[in-house]
C-alpha atoms as a PDB file:
ATOM      1  CA  MET A   1     -27.997   4.624   2.086  1.00  0.00           C
ATOM      2  CA  THR A   2     -25.589   5.417  -0.863  1.00  0.00           C
ATOM      3  CA  LEU A   3     -23.590   7.777   1.497  1.00  0.00           C
ATOM      4  CA  LEU A   4     -23.355   5.207   4.300  1.00  0.00           C
ATOM      5  CA  THR A   5     -21.850   2.537   1.585  1.00  0.00           C
ATOM      6  CA  GLN A   6     -19.319   5.334   0.248  1.00  0.00           C
ATOM      7  CA  ILE A   7     -18.270   6.125   3.904  1.00  0.00           C
ATOM      8  CA  LEU A   8     -17.778   2.597   4.314  1.00  0.00           C
ATOM      9  CA  LYS A   9     -16.041   1.886   1.197  1.00  0.00           C
ATOM     10  CA  MET A  10     -13.662   4.997   2.245  1.00  0.00           C
ATOM     11  CA  ILE A  11     -12.989   3.288   5.706  1.00  0.00           C
ATOM     12  CA  ALA A  12     -12.001   0.120   4.349  1.00  0.00           C
ATOM     13  CA  ILE A  13      -9.722   1.247   2.066  1.00  0.00           C
ATOM     14  CA  LEU A  14      -8.167   3.706   4.959  1.00  0.00           C
ATOM     15  CA  ALA A  15      -8.236   0.313   7.304  1.00  0.00           C
ATOM     16  CA  ALA A  16      -6.363  -1.671   4.653  1.00  0.00           C
ATOM     17  CA  ALA A  17      -3.994   0.927   3.568  1.00  0.00           C
ATOM     18  CA  ALA A  18      -2.819   1.593   7.503  1.00  0.00           C
ATOM     19  CA  LEU A  19      -2.208  -2.314   8.021  1.00  0.00           C
ATOM     20  CA  LEU A  20      -0.498  -2.574   4.893  1.00  0.00           C
ATOM     21  CA  GLY A  21       1.766   0.717   6.054  1.00  0.00           C
ATOM     22  CA  ASN A  22       2.328  -0.852   9.175  1.00  0.00           C
ATOM     23  CA  TRP A  23       3.257  -4.322   8.023  1.00  0.00           C
ATOM     24  CA  PHE A  24       6.007  -2.675   5.599  1.00  0.00           C
ATOM     25  CA  LEU A  25       7.481  -0.456   8.785  1.00  0.00           C
ATOM     26  CA  SER A  26       7.832  -3.728  10.624  1.00  0.00           C
ATOM     27  CA  GLU A  27       9.485  -5.282   7.565  1.00  0.00           C
ATOM     28  CA  LEU A  28      11.587  -1.751   7.309  1.00  0.00           C
ATOM     29  CA  ARG A  29      12.767  -2.102  11.159  1.00  0.00           C
ATOM     30  CA  ALA A  30      13.641  -5.403  10.932  1.00  0.00           C
ATOM     31  CA  ALA A  31      15.978  -5.342   8.039  1.00  0.00           C
ATOM     32  CA  ARG A  32      17.671  -1.960   9.592  1.00  0.00           C
ATOM     33  CA  GLN A  33      18.144  -4.074  12.827  1.00  0.00           C
ATOM     34  CA  ASN A  34      19.592  -6.958  10.940  1.00  0.00           C
ATOM     35  CA  SER A  35      22.143  -4.307   8.581  1.00  0.00           C
ATOM     36  CA  LYS A  36      20.384  -6.105   5.348  1.00  0.00           C
ATOM     37  CA  PRO A  37      20.665  -3.273   2.828  1.00  0.00           C
ATOM     38  CA  TRP A  38      18.126  -0.285   1.844  1.00  0.00           C
ATOM     39  CA  PHE A  39      16.272  -2.388  -0.738  1.00  0.00           C
ATOM     40  CA  ALA A  40      15.664  -5.284   0.885  1.00  0.00           C
ATOM     41  CA  VAL A  41      12.385  -4.380   2.390  1.00  0.00           C
ATOM     42  CA  TYR A  42      11.151  -3.876  -1.148  1.00  0.00           C
ATOM     43  CA  LEU A  43      11.641  -7.393  -1.839  1.00  0.00           C
ATOM     44  CA  THR A  44       9.183  -8.479   1.126  1.00  0.00           C
ATOM     45  CA  ALA A  45       5.829  -9.103   0.191  1.00  0.00           C
ATOM     46  CA  PRO A  46       4.207  -5.721   1.767  1.00  0.00           C
ATOM     47  CA  GLY A  47       7.175  -3.864  -0.227  1.00  0.00           C
ATOM     48  CA  ILE A  48       5.880  -5.362  -3.068  1.00  0.00           C
ATOM     49  CA  LEU A  49       2.482  -4.024  -2.775  1.00  0.00           C
ATOM     50  CA  VAL A  50       3.275  -1.009  -1.985  1.00  0.00           C
ATOM     51  CA  VAL A  51       5.580  -0.427  -5.216  1.00  0.00           C
ATOM     52  CA  LEU A  52       3.082  -2.360  -7.057  1.00  0.00           C
ATOM     53  CA  SER A  53      -0.195   0.127  -5.420  1.00  0.00           C
ATOM     54  CA  ALA A  54       2.345   3.298  -5.973  1.00  0.00           C
ATOM     55  CA  VAL A  55       3.238   2.408  -9.579  1.00  0.00           C
ATOM     56  CA  LEU A  56      -0.715   0.948 -10.590  1.00  0.00           C
ATOM     57  CA  LEU A  57      -2.700   3.106  -9.282  1.00  0.00           C
ATOM     58  CA  PRO A  58      -1.639   6.319 -10.938  1.00  0.00           C
ATOM     59  CA  ILE A  59      -2.036   4.218 -14.524  1.00  0.00           C
ATOM     60  CA  ALA A  60      -5.439   2.824 -13.663  1.00  0.00           C
ATOM     61  CA  ILE A  61      -7.019   6.581 -12.681  1.00  0.00           C
ATOM     62  CA  TRP A  62      -5.332   7.832 -15.495  1.00  0.00           C
ATOM     63  CA  TYR A  63      -7.077   4.578 -17.827  1.00  0.00           C
ATOM     64  CA  PHE A  64     -10.424   5.362 -16.631  1.00  0.00           C
ATOM     65  CA  LYS A  65     -10.192   8.501 -16.842  1.00  0.00           C
ATOM     66  CA  HIS A  66      -9.259   8.654 -20.322  1.00  0.00           C
ATOM     67  CA  ARG A  67     -11.770   5.936 -21.295  1.00  0.00           C
END
């Protein structure tokens, strides 16, 4: 049972990452089409989530390894 639950957890995380990435890319395409500045996409909801995950995930991993 534990192997099955681990696989299901991995699939859920990968699916969420794929959805977030697709959402971010659609915002990026829209920003480019509207001739917005390069940083405009990072001020949207998916951009903020991408930046937060890129900053907080390594900090969380470091914290829990050194706990």
